[in-house]
């Protein structure tokens, strides 16, 4: 079909190019009217078919372009949604990390407080134990001094100090 229209146009062109010129009219020529009209009728018959084919091709191209645009938009939307999901996950992850860091900091602060309280309690208990032992040592020394004083009066070891006398000495200061 495509070739028919071009062939007819070529025939018309050749007919006009080879036509006899009119005397005193360089831009005018004589052509066979019936032959020219016949070629124009043939062209009119062929052109609607070619135009409808051209329209069909243009419509097919437009559909293809629209389809490609829709697919591109769909891909873009999908990519945007995926990026949004990833950003949301990232935000959640950052918030979770911040919360975990806060919990660790709080636990470390509480641990430090408990450690300080335990150290203070232990230091106080050791101080009281030290004081009690120092008092007991002082009592033992005092009892020993009393015992020596009591036994110094009898150098042979036959003194009047009995076991009951030693038991009466308050060793612990009670």
Protein backbone atom coordinates (compact mmCIF):
# COMPACT_ATOMS: atom_id res chain seq x y z
CA UNK A 1 0.00 0.00 0.00
CA UNK A 2 2.75 2.33 0.93
CA UNK A 3 4.44 1.72 -2.40
CA UNK A 4 1.24 2.22 -4.40
CA UNK A 5 0.75 5.81 -3.22
CA UNK A 6 4.39 6.64 -3.84
CA UNK A 7 4.26 4.95 -7.23
CA UNK A 8 1.21 7.01 -8.25
CA UNK A 9 2.84 10.23 -7.04
CA UNK A 10 5.99 9.31 -8.98
CA UNK A 11 3.90 8.71 -12.12
CA UNK A 12 2.21 12.13 -11.74
CA UNK A 13 5.58 13.79 -11.21
CA UNK A 14 7.04 12.11 -14.27
CA UNK A 15 3.95 13.00 -16.34
CA UNK A 16 4.26 16.68 -15.40
CA UNK A 17 8.04 16.76 -15.78
CA UNK A 18 7.87 15.23 -19.27
CA UNK A 19 4.83 17.23 -20.37
CA UNK A 20 5.10 19.66 -23.29
CA UNK A 21 5.45 23.26 -22.29
CA UNK A 22 2.99 25.91 -23.47
CA UNK A 23 4.42 28.55 -25.79
CA UNK A 24 5.33 31.72 -23.88
CA UNK A 25 4.62 30.03 -20.55
CA UNK A 26 7.65 28.39 -19.02
CA UNK A 27 5.82 27.35 -15.84
CA UNK A 28 2.82 25.85 -17.68
CA UNK A 29 2.48 22.52 -19.48
CA UNK A 30 -0.03 20.31 -21.27
CA UNK A 31 -0.93 16.96 -19.68
CA UNK A 32 -3.50 14.38 -20.60
CA UNK A 33 -6.44 15.24 -18.42
CA UNK A 34 -7.97 11.74 -18.27
CA UNK A 35 -4.67 10.11 -17.47
CA UNK A 36 -3.90 12.69 -14.70
CA UNK A 37 -7.40 12.42 -13.23
CA UNK A 38 -7.17 8.63 -13.31
CA UNK A 39 -3.91 8.76 -11.36
CA UNK A 40 -5.44 11.19 -8.85
CA UNK A 41 -8.45 8.87 -8.44
CA UNK A 42 -6.09 5.95 -7.84
CA UNK A 43 -4.23 8.05 -5.26
CA UNK A 44 -7.52 8.97 -3.52
CA UNK A 45 -8.42 5.29 -3.35
CA UNK A 46 -5.04 4.28 -1.90
CA UNK A 47 -4.52 7.18 0.53
CA UNK A 48 -7.41 6.39 2.95
CA UNK A 49 -6.02 2.87 3.43
CA UNK A 50 -2.56 4.23 4.07
CA UNK A 51 -3.88 6.99 6.32
CA UNK A 52 -5.90 4.49 8.37
CA UNK A 53 -2.76 2.31 8.66
CA UNK A 54 -0.79 5.38 9.73
CA UNK A 55 -3.48 6.23 12.31
CA UNK A 56 -3.40 2.66 13.58
CA UNK A 57 0.39 2.84 13.93
CA UNK A 58 0.19 6.23 15.69
CA UNK A 59 -2.47 4.86 18.07
CA UNK A 60 -0.39 1.74 18.73
CA UNK A 61 2.63 3.96 19.42
CA UNK A 62 0.54 6.15 21.77
CA UNK A 63 -0.72 3.08 23.62
CA UNK A 64 2.83 1.78 23.93
CA UNK A 65 4.08 5.16 25.23
CA UNK A 66 1.19 5.39 27.72
CA UNK A 67 1.80 1.84 28.85
CA UNK A 68 5.50 2.58 29.29
CA UNK A 69 4.67 5.75 31.26
CA UNK A 70 2.28 3.81 33.53
CA UNK A 71 4.86 1.09 34.08
CA UNK A 72 7.53 3.71 34.83
CA UNK A 73 5.18 5.44 37.28
CA UNK A 74 4.36 2.11 38.90
CA UNK A 75 8.07 1.32 39.27
CA UNK A 76 8.72 4.81 40.67
CA UNK A 77 5.85 4.44 43.19
CA UNK A 78 7.12 1.01 44.22
CA UNK A 79 10.63 2.35 44.69
CA UNK A 80 9.28 5.30 46.70
CA UNK A 81 7.22 2.98 48.90
CA UNK A 82 10.24 0.72 49.44
CA UNK A 83 12.38 3.74 50.30
CA UNK A 84 9.71 4.94 52.75
CA UNK A 85 9.56 1.46 54.37
CA UNK A 86 13.33 1.36 54.65
CA UNK A 87 13.37 4.85 56.14
CA UNK A 88 10.66 3.86 58.63
CA UNK A 89 12.63 0.73 59.59
CA UNK A 90 15.72 2.88 59.98
CA UNK A 91 13.79 5.31 62.19
CA UNK A 92 12.46 2.46 64.33
CA UNK A 93 15.95 0.98 64.58
CA UNK A 94 17.43 4.33 65.62
CA UNK A 95 14.70 4.82 68.23
CA UNK A 96 15.29 1.30 69.58
CA UNK A 97 19.04 1.93 69.80
CA UNK A 98 18.47 5.22 71.61
CA UNK A 99 16.09 3.51 74.05
CA UNK A 100 18.57 0.67 74.61
CA UNK A 101 21.36 3.18 75.27
CA UNK A 102 19.11 5.01 77.73
CA UNK A 103 18.27 1.74 79.54
CA UNK A 104 21.97 0.82 79.74
CA UNK A 105 22.84 4.29 81.10
CA UNK A 106 20.10 4.04 83.73
CA UNK A 107 21.21 0.54 84.72
CA UNK A 108 24.82 1.70 85.00
CA UNK A 109 23.77 4.66 87.17
CA UNK A 110 21.69 2.40 89.44
CA UNK A 111 24.53 -0.13 89.57
CA UNK A 112 26.94 2.61 90.60
CA UNK A 113 24.52 3.73 93.34
CA UNK A 114 24.09 0.16 94.62
CA UNK A 115 27.88 -0.33 94.54
CA UNK A 116 28.42 2.86 96.55
CA UNK A 117 25.75 1.87 99.08
CA UNK A 118 27.28 -1.62 99.44
CA UNK A 119 30.77 -0.14 99.89
CA UNK A 120 29.47 2.28 102.52
CA UNK A 121 27.62 -0.50 104.36
CA UNK A 122 30.67 -2.77 104.31
CA UNK A 123 32.97 0.02 105.47
CA UNK A 124 30.58 0.82 108.36
CA UNK A 125 30.30 -2.89 109.33
CA UNK A 126 34.10 -3.30 109.27
CA UNK A 127 34.53 -0.11 111.34
CA UNK A 128 32.07 -1.40 113.98
CA UNK A 129 33.78 -4.80 113.98
CA UNK A 130 37.16 -3.10 114.37
CA UNK A 131 35.85 -1.01 117.27
CA UNK A 132 34.33 -4.10 118.94
CA UNK A 133 37.57 -6.06 118.51
CA UNK A 134 39.63 -3.13 119.86
CA UNK A 135 37.32 -2.98 122.90
CA UNK A 136 37.62 -6.75 123.35
CA UNK A 137 41.43 -6.51 123.08
CA UNK A 138 41.44 -3.75 125.67
CA UNK A 139 39.29 -5.95 127.93
CA UNK A 140 41.61 -8.94 127.42
CA UNK A 141 44.64 -6.77 128.25
CA UNK A 142 42.90 -5.41 131.36
CA UNK A 143 41.98 -8.94 132.47
CA UNK A 144 45.52 -10.11 131.86
CA UNK A 145 46.88 -7.21 133.89
CA UNK A 146 44.50 -8.05 136.72
CA UNK A 147 45.53 -11.69 136.50
CA UNK A 148 49.23 -10.80 136.65
CA UNK A 149 48.65 -8.44 139.50
CA UNK A 150 46.77 -11.11 141.39
CA UNK A 151 49.40 -13.76 140.72
CA UNK A 152 52.33 -11.42 141.40
CA UNK A 153 51.51 -11.47 145.09
CA UNK A 154 52.17 -15.25 145.19
CA UNK A 155 55.42 -15.94 143.34
CA UNK A 156 55.15 -19.69 143.86
CA UNK A 157 51.89 -19.94 142.08
CA UNK A 158 49.72 -20.76 145.09
CA UNK A 159 47.68 -17.64 145.14
CA UNK A 160 44.14 -17.20 146.19
CA UNK A 161 43.04 -16.54 142.60
CA UNK A 162 40.70 -19.22 141.48
CA UNK A 163 39.13 -20.04 138.14
CA UNK A 164 35.94 -18.46 139.37
CA UNK A 165 37.80 -15.20 139.98
CA UNK A 166 39.08 -15.18 136.38
CA UNK A 167 35.63 -15.97 134.99
CA UNK A 168 34.22 -12.96 136.81
CA UNK A 169 36.51 -10.64 134.83
CA UNK A 170 34.53 -9.01 132.02
CA UNK A 171 36.59 -9.83 128.94
CA UNK A 172 34.19 -8.34 126.40
CA UNK A 173 33.25 -5.27 128.40
CA UNK A 174 29.66 -6.37 128.83
